[in-house]
C-alpha atoms as a PDB file:
ATOM      1  CA  UNK A   1     116.646 178.811 -39.620  1.00  0.00           C
ATOM      2  CA  UNK A   2     116.660 179.629 -43.307  1.00  0.00           C
ATOM      3  CA  UNK A   3     117.589 176.077 -44.326  1.00  0.00           C
ATOM      4  CA  UNK A   4     114.384 174.744 -42.730  1.00  0.00           C
ATOM      5  CA  UNK A   5     112.253 176.961 -44.979  1.00  0.00           C
ATOM      6  CA  UNK A   6     114.377 176.030 -47.991  1.00  0.00           C
ATOM      7  CA  UNK A   7     113.875 172.324 -47.292  1.00  0.00           C
ATOM      8  CA  UNK A   8     110.154 172.112 -46.420  1.00  0.00           C
ATOM      9  CA  UNK A   9     108.675 175.382 -47.692  1.00  0.00           C
ATOM     10  CA  UNK A  10     107.222 178.478 -46.104  1.00  0.00           C
ATOM     11  CA  UNK A  11     104.189 179.066 -43.879  1.00  0.00           C
ATOM     12  CA  UNK A  12     100.904 177.998 -45.449  1.00  0.00           C
ATOM     13  CA  UNK A  13      99.053 181.328 -45.597  1.00  0.00           C
ATOM     14  CA  UNK A  14      95.733 179.532 -46.203  1.00  0.00           C
ATOM     15  CA  UNK A  15      96.022 177.679 -42.879  1.00  0.00           C
ATOM     16  CA  UNK A  16      94.261 179.272 -39.888  1.00  0.00           C
ATOM     17  CA  UNK A  17      96.851 177.807 -37.496  1.00  0.00           C
ATOM     18  CA  UNK A  18      99.915 178.190 -39.663  1.00  0.00           C
ATOM     19  CA  UNK A  19     102.517 177.919 -36.898  1.00  0.00           C
ATOM     20  CA  UNK A  20     101.169 174.541 -35.759  1.00  0.00           C
ATOM     21  CA  UNK A  21     100.936 173.312 -39.346  1.00  0.00           C
ATOM     22  CA  UNK A  22     104.554 174.307 -39.927  1.00  0.00           C
ATOM     23  CA  UNK A  23     105.667 172.543 -36.728  1.00  0.00           C
ATOM     24  CA  UNK A  24     103.794 169.399 -37.798  1.00  0.00           C
ATOM     25  CA  UNK A  25     105.408 169.591 -41.223  1.00  0.00           C
ATOM     26  CA  UNK A  26     108.785 169.801 -39.479  1.00  0.00           C
ATOM     27  CA  UNK A  27     107.873 166.704 -37.435  1.00  0.00           C
ATOM     28  CA  UNK A  28     106.855 164.894 -40.624  1.00  0.00           C
ATOM     29  CA  UNK A  29     110.305 165.677 -42.052  1.00  0.00           C
ATOM     30  CA  UNK A  30     111.989 164.382 -38.862  1.00  0.00           C
ATOM     31  CA  UNK A  31     113.256 167.791 -37.802  1.00  0.00           C
ATOM     32  CA  UNK A  32     113.726 168.626 -34.138  1.00  0.00           C
ATOM     33  CA  UNK A  33     112.009 171.587 -32.552  1.00  0.00           C
ATOM     34  CA  UNK A  34     113.698 173.104 -29.532  1.00  0.00           C
ATOM     35  CA  UNK A  35     112.179 175.648 -27.197  1.00  0.00           C
ATOM     36  CA  UNK A  36     114.151 178.579 -25.876  1.00  0.00           C
ATOM     37  CA  UNK A  37     113.270 179.181 -22.252  1.00  0.00           C
ATOM     38  CA  UNK A  38     115.023 182.570 -22.397  1.00  0.00           C
ATOM     39  CA  UNK A  39     113.111 183.962 -25.373  1.00  0.00           C
ATOM     40  CA  UNK A  40     110.889 186.987 -24.808  1.00  0.00           C
ATOM     41  CA  UNK A  41     107.528 186.465 -26.485  1.00  0.00           C
ATOM     42  CA  UNK A  42     104.710 188.961 -26.936  1.00  0.00           C
ATOM     43  CA  UNK A  43     101.109 188.135 -27.706  1.00  0.00           C
ATOM     44  CA  UNK A  44      97.710 189.791 -27.897  1.00  0.00           C
ATOM     45  CA  UNK A  45      95.790 188.478 -24.902  1.00  0.00           C
ATOM     46  CA  UNK A  46      91.976 188.280 -25.104  1.00  0.00           C
ATOM     47  CA  UNK A  47      90.403 190.606 -22.534  1.00  0.00           C
ATOM     48  CA  UNK A  48      86.863 189.213 -22.562  1.00  0.00           C
ATOM     49  CA  UNK A  49      85.514 185.679 -22.426  1.00  0.00           C
ATOM     50  CA  UNK A  50      83.925 186.216 -25.866  1.00  0.00           C
ATOM     51  CA  UNK A  51      87.344 187.094 -27.334  1.00  0.00           C
ATOM     52  CA  UNK A  52      88.913 184.090 -25.564  1.00  0.00           C
ATOM     53  CA  UNK A  53      86.207 181.763 -26.934  1.00  0.00           C
ATOM     54  CA  UNK A  54      86.731 183.125 -30.455  1.00  0.00           C
ATOM     55  CA  UNK A  55      90.517 182.665 -30.203  1.00  0.00           C
ATOM     56  CA  UNK A  56      90.315 179.139 -28.776  1.00  0.00           C
ATOM     57  CA  UNK A  57      87.612 178.092 -31.230  1.00  0.00           C
ATOM     58  CA  UNK A  58      89.935 179.156 -34.062  1.00  0.00           C
ATOM     59  CA  UNK A  59      92.822 177.264 -32.464  1.00  0.00           C
ATOM     60  CA  UNK A  60      90.735 174.111 -32.063  1.00  0.00           C
ATOM     61  CA  UNK A  61      89.347 174.246 -35.606  1.00  0.00           C
ATOM     62  CA  UNK A  62      92.818 174.833 -37.000  1.00  0.00           C
ATOM     63  CA  UNK A  63      94.199 172.054 -34.809  1.00  0.00           C
ATOM     64  CA  UNK A  64      91.501 169.678 -36.032  1.00  0.00           C
ATOM     65  CA  UNK A  65      92.312 170.445 -39.671  1.00  0.00           C
ATOM     66  CA  UNK A  66      96.048 170.055 -39.034  1.00  0.00           C
ATOM     67  CA  UNK A  67      95.586 166.780 -37.137  1.00  0.00           C
ATOM     68  CA  UNK A  68      93.561 165.329 -39.997  1.00  0.00           C
ATOM     69  CA  UNK A  69      96.118 166.598 -42.512  1.00  0.00           C
ATOM     70  CA  UNK A  70      98.993 164.935 -40.625  1.00  0.00           C
ATOM     71  CA  UNK A  71      97.412 161.691 -39.401  1.00  0.00           C
ATOM     72  CA  UNK A  72     100.531 159.837 -40.543  1.00  0.00           C
ATOM     73  CA  UNK A  73     102.355 161.387 -37.564  1.00  0.00           C
ATOM     74  CA  UNK A  74     100.688 158.763 -35.362  1.00  0.00           C
ATOM     75  CA  UNK A  75     103.678 156.459 -35.241  1.00  0.00           C
ATOM     76  CA  UNK A  76     106.486 155.671 -32.793  1.00  0.00           C
ATOM     77  CA  UNK A  77     109.000 157.027 -35.320  1.00  0.00           C
ATOM     78  CA  UNK A  78     107.753 160.549 -34.455  1.00  0.00           C
ATOM     79  CA  UNK A  79     108.521 160.273 -30.717  1.00  0.00           C
ATOM     80  CA  UNK A  80     106.214 161.876 -28.140  1.00  0.00           C
ATOM     81  CA  UNK A  81     104.232 163.545 -30.909  1.00  0.00           C
ATOM     82  CA  UNK A  82     103.434 160.199 -32.523  1.00  0.00           C
ATOM     83  CA  UNK A  83     102.807 158.071 -29.457  1.00  0.00           C
ATOM     84  CA  UNK A  84     101.270 160.555 -26.989  1.00  0.00           C
ATOM     85  CA  UNK A  85     100.217 163.967 -28.339  1.00  0.00           C
ATOM     86  CA  UNK A  86      98.469 163.007 -31.589  1.00  0.00           C
ATOM     87  CA  UNK A  87      96.757 159.834 -30.289  1.00  0.00           C
ATOM     88  CA  UNK A  88      95.584 161.544 -27.086  1.00  0.00           C
ATOM     89  CA  UNK A  89      94.127 164.435 -29.076  1.00  0.00           C
ATOM     90  CA  UNK A  90      92.273 162.116 -31.441  1.00  0.00           C
ATOM     91  CA  UNK A  91      90.984 159.876 -28.610  1.00  0.00           C
ATOM     92  CA  UNK A  92      89.633 162.978 -26.839  1.00  0.00           C
ATOM     93  CA  UNK A  93      87.871 164.066 -30.045  1.00  0.00           C
ATOM     94  CA  UNK A  94      86.338 160.652 -30.633  1.00  0.00           C
ATOM     95  CA  UNK A  95      85.120 160.559 -27.024  1.00  0.00           C
ATOM     96  CA  UNK A  96      83.644 164.045 -27.331  1.00  0.00           C
ATOM     97  CA  UNK A  97      81.764 163.008 -30.484  1.00  0.00           C
ATOM     98  CA  UNK A  98      80.631 159.866 -28.651  1.00  0.00           C
ATOM     99  CA  UNK A  99      79.254 161.894 -25.757  1.00  0.00           C
ATOM    100  CA  UNK A 100      77.401 164.221 -28.172  1.00  0.00           C
ATOM    101  CA  UNK A 101      75.856 161.229 -29.935  1.00  0.00           C
ATOM    102  CA  UNK A 102      74.882 159.547 -26.650  1.00  0.00           C
ATOM    103  CA  UNK A 103      73.299 162.728 -25.293  1.00  0.00           C
ATOM    104  CA  UNK A 104      71.497 163.296 -28.587  1.00  0.00           C
ATOM    105  CA  UNK A 105      70.142 159.745 -28.589  1.00  0.00           C
ATOM    106  CA  UNK A 106      69.052 160.093 -24.979  1.00  0.00           C
ATOM    107  CA  UNK A 107      67.221 163.337 -25.751  1.00  0.00           C
ATOM    108  CA  UNK A 108      65.569 161.884 -28.870  1.00  0.00           C
ATOM    109  CA  UNK A 109      64.814 158.445 -27.362  1.00  0.00           C
ATOM    110  CA  UNK A 110      64.689 158.782 -23.562  1.00  0.00           C
ATOM    111  CA  UNK A 111      64.863 155.547 -21.627  1.00  0.00           C
ATOM    112  CA  UNK A 112      61.869 154.941 -19.338  1.00  0.00           C
ATOM    113  CA  UNK A 113      64.238 153.265 -16.861  1.00  0.00           C
ATOM    114  CA  UNK A 114      66.489 156.318 -16.606  1.00  0.00           C
ATOM    115  CA  UNK A 115      63.479 158.632 -16.564  1.00  0.00           C
ATOM    116  CA  UNK A 116      61.965 156.678 -13.648  1.00  0.00           C
ATOM    117  CA  UNK A 117      65.168 156.528 -11.592  1.00  0.00           C
ATOM    118  CA  UNK A 118      66.319 160.034 -12.391  1.00  0.00           C
ATOM    119  CA  UNK A 119      69.908 161.250 -12.664  1.00  0.00           C
ATOM    120  CA  UNK A 120      71.162 158.965  -9.860  1.00  0.00           C
ATOM    121  CA  UNK A 121      71.173 156.022 -12.245  1.00  0.00           C
ATOM    122  CA  UNK A 122      73.453 157.932 -14.603  1.00  0.00           C
ATOM    123  CA  UNK A 123      75.872 158.864 -11.840  1.00  0.00           C
ATOM    124  CA  UNK A 124      76.037 155.365 -10.354  1.00  0.00           C
ATOM    125  CA  UNK A 125      76.265 153.559 -13.662  1.00  0.00           C
ATOM    126  CA  UNK A 126      79.962 153.027 -14.389  1.00  0.00           C
ATOM    127  CA  UNK A 127      80.219 152.839 -18.155  1.00  0.00           C
ATOM    128  CA  UNK A 128      83.215 152.226 -20.415  1.00  0.00           C
ATOM    129  CA  UNK A 129      83.269 155.924 -21.279  1.00  0.00           C
ATOM    130  CA  UNK A 130      83.810 156.709 -17.579  1.00  0.00           C
ATOM    131  CA  UNK A 131      86.860 154.449 -17.549  1.00  0.00           C
ATOM    132  CA  UNK A 132      88.250 156.035 -20.733  1.00  0.00           C
ATOM    133  CA  UNK A 133      87.575 159.554 -19.446  1.00  0.00           C
ATOM    134  CA  UNK A 134      89.310 158.796 -16.148  1.00  0.00           C
ATOM    135  CA  UNK A 135      92.260 157.299 -18.029  1.00  0.00           C
ATOM    136  CA  UNK A 136      92.591 160.409 -20.209  1.00  0.00           C
ATOM    137  CA  UNK A 137      92.380 162.591 -17.079  1.00  0.00           C
ATOM    138  CA  UNK A 138      95.137 160.617 -15.326  1.00  0.00           C
ATOM    139  CA  UNK A 139      97.361 160.598 -18.436  1.00  0.00           C
ATOM    140  CA  UNK A 140      96.941 164.378 -18.809  1.00  0.00           C
ATOM    141  CA  UNK A 141      97.759 164.905 -15.155  1.00  0.00           C
ATOM    142  CA  UNK A 142     100.930 162.771 -15.402  1.00  0.00           C
ATOM    143  CA  UNK A 143     101.944 164.455 -18.688  1.00  0.00           C
ATOM    144  CA  UNK A 144     101.593 167.936 -17.188  1.00  0.00           C
ATOM    145  CA  UNK A 145     103.353 166.921 -13.959  1.00  0.00           C
ATOM    146  CA  UNK A 146     106.295 165.454 -15.883  1.00  0.00           C
ATOM    147  CA  UNK A 147     106.438 168.558 -18.093  1.00  0.00           C
ATOM    148  CA  UNK A 148     106.597 170.819 -15.040  1.00  0.00           C
ATOM    149  CA  UNK A 149     109.410 168.694 -13.577  1.00  0.00           C
ATOM    150  CA  UNK A 150     111.376 169.293 -16.767  1.00  0.00           C
ATOM    151  CA  UNK A 151     111.195 173.047 -16.139  1.00  0.00           C
ATOM    152  CA  UNK A 152     112.590 173.035 -12.613  1.00  0.00           C
ATOM    153  CA  UNK A 153     112.510 176.827 -12.231  1.00  0.00           C
ATOM    154  CA  UNK A 154     108.702 176.811 -12.438  1.00  0.00           C
ATOM    155  CA  UNK A 155     107.164 176.819  -8.969  1.00  0.00           C
ATOM    156  CA  UNK A 156     103.920 174.925  -9.519  1.00  0.00           C
ATOM    157  CA  UNK A 157     102.405 172.552  -6.973  1.00  0.00           C
ATOM    158  CA  UNK A 158     100.504 169.308  -7.545  1.00  0.00           C
ATOM    159  CA  UNK A 159      97.408 171.055  -6.176  1.00  0.00           C
ATOM    160  CA  UNK A 160      97.680 173.805  -8.823  1.00  0.00           C
ATOM    161  CA  UNK A 161      98.089 171.187 -11.561  1.00  0.00           C
ATOM    162  CA  UNK A 162      94.989 169.346 -10.317  1.00  0.00           C
ATOM    163  CA  UNK A 163      92.920 172.564 -10.319  1.00  0.00           C
ATOM    164  CA  UNK A 164      94.185 173.384 -13.812  1.00  0.00           C
ATOM    165  CA  UNK A 165      93.344 169.923 -15.176  1.00  0.00           C
ATOM    166  CA  UNK A 166      89.843 169.919 -13.669  1.00  0.00           C
ATOM    167  CA  UNK A 167      88.803 173.495 -14.551  1.00  0.00           C
ATOM    168  CA  UNK A 168      90.513 173.647 -17.915  1.00  0.00           C
ATOM    169  CA  UNK A 169      88.886 170.387 -19.027  1.00  0.00           C
ATOM    170  CA  UNK A 170      85.476 172.106 -18.889  1.00  0.00           C
ATOM    171  CA  UNK A 171      86.767 175.089 -20.861  1.00  0.00           C
ATOM    172  CA  UNK A 172      88.372 172.837 -23.467  1.00  0.00           C
ATOM    173  CA  UNK A 173      85.063 170.995 -23.865  1.00  0.00           C
ATOM    174  CA  UNK A 174      83.347 174.337 -24.455  1.00  0.00           C
ATOM    175  CA  UNK A 175      85.991 175.308 -27.024  1.00  0.00           C
ATOM    176  CA  UNK A 176      85.540 171.984 -28.825  1.00  0.00           C
ATOM    177  CA  UNK A 177      81.745 172.311 -28.839  1.00  0.00           C
ATOM    178  CA  UNK A 178      82.069 175.772 -30.385  1.00  0.00           C
ATOM    179  CA  UNK A 179      84.635 174.539 -32.925  1.00  0.00           C
ATOM    180  CA  UNK A 180      82.595 171.479 -33.888  1.00  0.00           C
ATOM    181  CA  UNK A 181      79.405 173.516 -34.301  1.00  0.00           C
ATOM    182  CA  UNK A 182      81.254 175.873 -36.632  1.00  0.00           C
ATOM    183  CA  UNK A 183      82.650 172.888 -38.539  1.00  0.00           C
ATOM    184  CA  UNK A 184      79.203 171.285 -38.861  1.00  0.00           C
ATOM    185  CA  UNK A 185      77.673 174.550 -40.108  1.00  0.00           C
ATOM    186  CA  UNK A 186      80.750 174.999 -42.346  1.00  0.00           C
ATOM    187  CA  UNK A 187      81.285 178.545 -41.104  1.00  0.00           C
ATOM    188  CA  UNK A 188      84.229 180.170 -42.832  1.00  0.00           C
ATOM    189  CA  UNK A 189      87.334 180.150 -40.649  1.00  0.00           C
ATOM    190  CA  UNK A 190      88.827 183.552 -39.952  1.00  0.00           C
ATOM    191  CA  UNK A 191      90.954 185.410 -37.466  1.00  0.00           C
END
C-alpha cells in the first residue's frame, strides 16, 4: 500500500535482499504483513545446481546483513519474528561458526586420543553441540509442521516434512559455507 512507503520509505536499492530488508523494516515499525494465498507469483527458477548455489548464497549473505542491521527485532514485542525466527537464525549461525572453529582446531591441533580411537569416538561422544543441534532440528520440525497445519489445503505428510528437514539442512549448511567464505574474502555482493 502506498501509505506504507510514505511512512517508512522505499526499497533500499543498495541492499542485495531488498524485499527482506523492507519486510524487516515494516516489522520494526510494528506493521503487519499478510500473505495472500490466492496471489499468482512468478519467479526465475535456477536450472542448474551452480545457479541455485549462487542464488542461495546471495540470499544468505543478504539475510546475514539484514539480520545484523535489525538485531533489535529480537524481542517479544515483535511476535514470532522476535521470539522464534530471528533468534533461531542467529543461534544456527553461531553454531555453524562454532563447528567451523572446532573443525579448524582439530585439523590444526589433532588430538592423539581421537586419532588413536578413530571416528567412533567422535560419533559416540555426546557433546553440548549435539544437544543444541538436535534441539534446533526438533524446533524446525515443529515449526514447519505447525506452518503446514495452518495451510490446510496443502497435502504434505509428516514423512515429507522429515525428509525436507533432513536433506535441506545439508543444503542450507552448504549455502552458509559459501556465503561465509564470500563474506570472509569480502567478495562484492551482486545478483
